[in-house]
Amino acid sequence: MEPEKTLILGLGNILLQNEGIGVHTLKELEKLDWPKHVDLLDGGTGGFVLLSLFQEYKKMVIIDATLSKEPEGTIKVIKPKFAKDFPKSLSTHELGLKDMIESAILLGKIPDIYLIVISIHPEQIMSVTLTSGIRECIPDIIKTVENVISGISES
């Protein structure tokens, strides 16, 4: 049996410094070889335009910044089943990931989601460059993505 179609989705606003960590990480992930059933996509700041992806893929790995009480650079993997399972404040996107999940639930079809969140400071300046502390997290985020993908492929 073939593995299920999986999407790695990097989210974030690259104009707001560390808020763009999901997109910056995705750019690094694109340099690696991935199994045929795995697609990669820069989702930018999201929006309902991405809603169709929830219908197209069976499994999604989403990389995004989060505003939490954890130290900056903390990486967590969350496997939410409902919108309420997402962190209280994911990021500063115009339309939140929670909103997209709730919309997908209303449409009646939601993939297995693995959310990789990276804690950032709530105050971000206008800059397309990550701070050195967050940039240094990218190899660990990549390892986390690889571990999640290998776990998905084995199941």
C-alpha atoms as a PDB file:
ATOM      1  CA  MET A   1       0.000   0.000   0.000  1.00  0.00           C
ATOM      2  CA  GLU A   2       1.326   3.442  -0.945  1.00  0.00           C
ATOM      3  CA  PRO A   3       1.890   6.034   1.775  1.00  0.00           C
ATOM      4  CA  GLU A   4      -0.803   8.687   2.036  1.00  0.00           C
ATOM      5  CA  LYS A   5      -0.328  12.014   0.285  1.00  0.00           C
ATOM      6  CA  THR A   6       1.389  14.353   2.771  1.00  0.00           C
ATOM      7  CA  LEU A   7       1.985  18.112   2.710  1.00  0.00           C
ATOM      8  CA  ILE A   8       4.668  20.044   4.553  1.00  0.00           C
ATOM      9  CA  LEU A   9       3.313  23.572   4.849  1.00  0.00           C
ATOM     10  CA  GLY A  10       5.454  26.485   6.039  1.00  0.00           C
ATOM     11  CA  LEU A  11       3.458  29.457   7.330  1.00  0.00           C
ATOM     12  CA  GLY A  12       4.511  32.935   8.368  1.00  0.00           C
ATOM     13  CA  ASN A  13       4.897  36.553   7.460  1.00  0.00           C
ATOM     14  CA  ILE A  14       8.482  36.950   6.253  1.00  0.00           C
ATOM     15  CA  LEU A  15       8.217  40.738   6.620  1.00  0.00           C
ATOM     16  CA  LEU A  16       7.898  40.440  10.407  1.00  0.00           C
ATOM     17  CA  GLN A  17      11.254  38.960  11.322  1.00  0.00           C
ATOM     18  CA  ASN A  18      10.833  35.708  13.328  1.00  0.00           C
ATOM     19  CA  GLU A  19       7.134  35.438  12.450  1.00  0.00           C
ATOM     20  CA  GLY A  20       8.360  34.053   9.127  1.00  0.00           C
ATOM     21  CA  ILE A  21      10.183  31.050  10.629  1.00  0.00           C
ATOM     22  CA  GLY A  22       7.797  28.555   8.982  1.00  0.00           C
ATOM     23  CA  VAL A  23       8.508  29.950   5.506  1.00  0.00           C
ATOM     24  CA  HIS A  24      12.260  30.282   6.120  1.00  0.00           C
ATOM     25  CA  THR A  25      12.389  26.657   7.309  1.00  0.00           C
ATOM     26  CA  LEU A  26      10.414  25.501   4.281  1.00  0.00           C
ATOM     27  CA  LYS A  27      13.004  27.125   1.982  1.00  0.00           C
ATOM     28  CA  GLU A  28      15.681  25.003   3.676  1.00  0.00           C
ATOM     29  CA  LEU A  29      13.505  21.867   3.506  1.00  0.00           C
ATOM     30  CA  GLU A  30      13.145  22.377  -0.270  1.00  0.00           C
ATOM     31  CA  LYS A  31      16.886  21.734  -0.614  1.00  0.00           C
ATOM     32  CA  LEU A  32      16.447  18.155   0.681  1.00  0.00           C
ATOM     33  CA  ASP A  33      15.143  15.018  -1.030  1.00  0.00           C
ATOM     34  CA  TRP A  34      11.665  13.920   0.040  1.00  0.00           C
ATOM     35  CA  PRO A  35       9.628  10.802  -0.739  1.00  0.00           C
ATOM     36  CA  LYS A  36       7.380  11.010  -3.789  1.00  0.00           C
ATOM     37  CA  HIS A  37       4.202  11.225  -1.657  1.00  0.00           C
ATOM     38  CA  VAL A  38       5.450  14.348   0.191  1.00  0.00           C
ATOM     39  CA  ASP A  39       4.813  17.845  -1.193  1.00  0.00           C
ATOM     40  CA  LEU A  40       6.200  21.102   0.180  1.00  0.00           C
ATOM     41  CA  LEU A  41       4.436  24.465   0.051  1.00  0.00           C
ATOM     42  CA  ASP A  42       5.146  28.013   1.182  1.00  0.00           C
ATOM     43  CA  GLY A  43       1.774  29.009   2.630  1.00  0.00           C
ATOM     44  CA  GLY A  44       2.833  32.558   3.495  1.00  0.00           C
ATOM     45  CA  THR A  45       0.292  34.179   5.780  1.00  0.00           C
ATOM     46  CA  GLY A  46      -2.367  31.607   4.987  1.00  0.00           C
ATOM     47  CA  GLY A  47      -5.928  32.580   4.450  1.00  0.00           C
ATOM     48  CA  PHE A  48      -8.891  30.742   3.058  1.00  0.00           C
ATOM     49  CA  VAL A  49      -6.916  30.195  -0.155  1.00  0.00           C
ATOM     50  CA  LEU A  50      -5.204  27.330   1.705  1.00  0.00           C
ATOM     51  CA  LEU A  51      -8.489  25.718   2.741  1.00  0.00           C
ATOM     52  CA  SER A  52      -8.581  23.487  -0.341  1.00  0.00           C
ATOM     53  CA  LEU A  53      -5.358  21.833   0.866  1.00  0.00           C
ATOM     54  CA  PHE A  54      -7.285  20.386   3.803  1.00  0.00           C
ATOM     55  CA  GLN A  55      -9.410  18.521   1.263  1.00  0.00           C
ATOM     56  CA  GLU A  56      -6.514  17.422  -0.945  1.00  0.00           C
ATOM     57  CA  TYR A  57      -4.102  15.905   1.592  1.00  0.00           C
ATOM     58  CA  LYS A  58      -4.571  13.049   4.063  1.00  0.00           C
ATOM     59  CA  LYS A  59      -1.756  14.262   6.305  1.00  0.00           C
ATOM     60  CA  MET A  60      -0.266  17.716   6.879  1.00  0.00           C
ATOM     61  CA  VAL A  61       2.834  18.892   8.704  1.00  0.00           C
ATOM     62  CA  ILE A  62       2.474  22.608   9.403  1.00  0.00           C
ATOM     63  CA  ILE A  63       5.392  24.753  10.573  1.00  0.00           C
ATOM     64  CA  ASP A  64       4.498  28.056  12.204  1.00  0.00           C
ATOM     65  CA  ALA A  65       5.571  30.560  14.837  1.00  0.00           C
ATOM     66  CA  THR A  66       3.687  30.735  18.102  1.00  0.00           C
ATOM     67  CA  LEU A  67       3.405  33.365  20.788  1.00  0.00           C
ATOM     68  CA  SER A  68       3.746  31.426  24.021  1.00  0.00           C
ATOM     69  CA  LYS A  69       5.205  31.637  27.489  1.00  0.00           C
ATOM     70  CA  GLU A  70       7.890  29.146  26.449  1.00  0.00           C
ATOM     71  CA  PRO A  71      11.424  30.476  25.910  1.00  0.00           C
ATOM     72  CA  GLU A  72      12.024  31.851  22.431  1.00  0.00           C
ATOM     73  CA  GLY A  73      13.126  29.076  20.094  1.00  0.00           C
ATOM     74  CA  THR A  74      11.211  26.303  21.889  1.00  0.00           C
ATOM     75  CA  ILE A  75      10.018  23.739  19.324  1.00  0.00           C
ATOM     76  CA  LYS A  76       6.915  21.659  20.009  1.00  0.00           C
ATOM     77  CA  VAL A  77       4.954  19.125  17.989  1.00  0.00           C
ATOM     78  CA  ILE A  78       1.205  19.197  18.546  1.00  0.00           C
ATOM     79  CA  LYS A  79      -1.223  16.734  16.998  1.00  0.00           C
ATOM     80  CA  PRO A  80      -4.498  18.651  17.321  1.00  0.00           C
ATOM     81  CA  LYS A  81      -7.816  16.948  16.742  1.00  0.00           C
ATOM     82  CA  PHE A  82      -9.957  20.057  17.158  1.00  0.00           C
ATOM     83  CA  ALA A  83      -9.367  23.796  16.723  1.00  0.00           C
ATOM     84  CA  LYS A  84      -9.428  24.167  20.520  1.00  0.00           C
ATOM     85  CA  ASP A  85      -6.308  21.963  20.692  1.00  0.00           C
ATOM     86  CA  PHE A  86      -4.178  24.627  18.978  1.00  0.00           C
ATOM     87  CA  PRO A  87      -2.068  27.015  21.041  1.00  0.00           C
ATOM     88  CA  LYS A  88      -4.015  30.062  22.214  1.00  0.00           C
ATOM     89  CA  SER A  89      -1.987  32.386  20.028  1.00  0.00           C
ATOM     90  CA  LEU A  90      -0.314  30.860  17.019  1.00  0.00           C
ATOM     91  CA  SER A  91       0.976  33.918  15.237  1.00  0.00           C
ATOM     92  CA  THR A  92       0.111  37.273  13.802  1.00  0.00           C
ATOM     93  CA  HIS A  93      -1.439  36.075  10.538  1.00  0.00           C
ATOM     94  CA  GLU A  94      -4.374  37.985   9.136  1.00  0.00           C
ATOM     95  CA  LEU A  95      -6.445  34.795   9.234  1.00  0.00           C
ATOM     96  CA  GLY A  96      -5.405  32.309  11.863  1.00  0.00           C
ATOM     97  CA  LEU A  97      -4.718  28.645  11.373  1.00  0.00           C
ATOM     98  CA  LYS A  98      -7.433  27.941  13.939  1.00  0.00           C
ATOM     99  CA  ASP A  99      -9.942  29.661  11.649  1.00  0.00           C
ATOM    100  CA  MET A 100      -8.875  27.477   8.730  1.00  0.00           C
ATOM    101  CA  ILE A 101      -9.147  24.313  10.826  1.00  0.00           C
ATOM    102  CA  GLU A 102     -12.613  25.279  12.042  1.00  0.00           C
ATOM    103  CA  SER A 103     -13.664  25.925   8.433  1.00  0.00           C
ATOM    104  CA  ALA A 104     -12.263  22.564   7.318  1.00  0.00           C
ATOM    105  CA  ILE A 105     -14.184  20.860  10.135  1.00  0.00           C
ATOM    106  CA  LEU A 106     -17.371  22.539   8.918  1.00  0.00           C
ATOM    107  CA  LEU A 107     -16.657  21.193   5.428  1.00  0.00           C
ATOM    108  CA  GLY A 108     -16.521  17.757   6.993  1.00  0.00           C
ATOM    109  CA  LYS A 109     -13.032  16.728   5.955  1.00  0.00           C
ATOM    110  CA  ILE A 110      -9.859  17.316   7.891  1.00  0.00           C
ATOM    111  CA  PRO A 111      -6.493  15.616   7.435  1.00  0.00           C
ATOM    112  CA  ASP A 112      -4.255  14.308  10.211  1.00  0.00           C
ATOM    113  CA  ILE A 113      -2.366  17.433  11.253  1.00  0.00           C
ATOM    114  CA  TYR A 114       1.042  17.598  12.880  1.00  0.00           C
ATOM    115  CA  LEU A 115       1.709  21.162  13.962  1.00  0.00           C
ATOM    116  CA  ILE A 116       5.329  22.131  14.595  1.00  0.00           C
ATOM    117  CA  VAL A 117       5.380  25.417  16.484  1.00  0.00           C
ATOM    118  CA  ILE A 118       8.359  27.580  17.317  1.00  0.00           C
ATOM    119  CA  SER A 119       8.023  30.058  20.175  1.00  0.00           C
ATOM    120  CA  ILE A 120       8.871  33.646  19.263  1.00  0.00           C
ATOM    121  CA  HIS A 121       8.771  36.922  21.154  1.00  0.00           C
ATOM    122  CA  PRO A 122       5.456  38.757  20.640  1.00  0.00           C
ATOM    123  CA  GLU A 123       7.136  41.967  19.481  1.00  0.00           C
ATOM    124  CA  GLN A 124       8.647  41.605  16.009  1.00  0.00           C
ATOM    125  CA  ILE A 125      10.161  44.386  13.932  1.00  0.00           C
ATOM    126  CA  MET A 126       9.719  44.831  10.189  1.00  0.00           C
ATOM    127  CA  SER A 127      12.610  42.786   8.801  1.00  0.00           C
ATOM    128  CA  VAL A 128      12.999  39.937   6.323  1.00  0.00           C
ATOM    129  CA  THR A 129      15.890  38.548   8.375  1.00  0.00           C
ATOM    130  CA  LEU A 130      15.469  36.151  11.290  1.00  0.00           C
ATOM    131  CA  THR A 131      17.231  36.890  14.556  1.00  0.00           C
ATOM    132  CA  SER A 132      20.319  34.732  15.072  1.00  0.00           C
ATOM    133  CA  GLY A 133      18.661  32.782  17.917  1.00  0.00           C
ATOM    134  CA  ILE A 134      15.689  31.744  15.786  1.00  0.00           C
ATOM    135  CA  ARG A 135      17.814  31.148  12.673  1.00  0.00           C
ATOM    136  CA  GLU A 136      19.938  28.727  14.736  1.00  0.00           C
ATOM    137  CA  CYS A 137      16.772  26.673  15.431  1.00  0.00           C
ATOM    138  CA  ILE A 138      16.287  25.765  11.763  1.00  0.00           C
ATOM    139  CA  PRO A 139      18.429  22.557  11.856  1.00  0.00           C
ATOM    140  CA  ASP A 140      16.441  21.335  14.884  1.00  0.00           C
ATOM    141  CA  ILE A 141      13.147  22.213  13.173  1.00  0.00           C
ATOM    142  CA  ILE A 142      14.295  20.258  10.096  1.00  0.00           C
ATOM    143  CA  LYS A 143      15.140  17.226  12.280  1.00  0.00           C
ATOM    144  CA  THR A 144      11.707  17.503  13.887  1.00  0.00           C
ATOM    145  CA  VAL A 145      10.026  17.585  10.456  1.00  0.00           C
ATOM    146  CA  GLU A 146      12.070  14.568   9.304  1.00  0.00           C
ATOM    147  CA  ASN A 147      11.098  12.626  12.449  1.00  0.00           C
ATOM    148  CA  VAL A 148       7.415  13.451  11.977  1.00  0.00           C
ATOM    149  CA  ILE A 149       7.516  12.476   8.282  1.00  0.00           C
ATOM    150  CA  SER A 150       9.301   9.181   9.021  1.00  0.00           C
ATOM    151  CA  GLY A 151       6.704   8.427  11.716  1.00  0.00           C
ATOM    152  CA  ILE A 152       3.872   9.216   9.303  1.00  0.00           C
ATOM    153  CA  SER A 153       5.398   7.044   6.573  1.00  0.00           C
ATOM    154  CA  GLU A 154       5.760   4.079   8.952  1.00  0.00           C
ATOM    155  CA  SER A 155       2.134   4.234  10.120  1.00  0.00           C
END
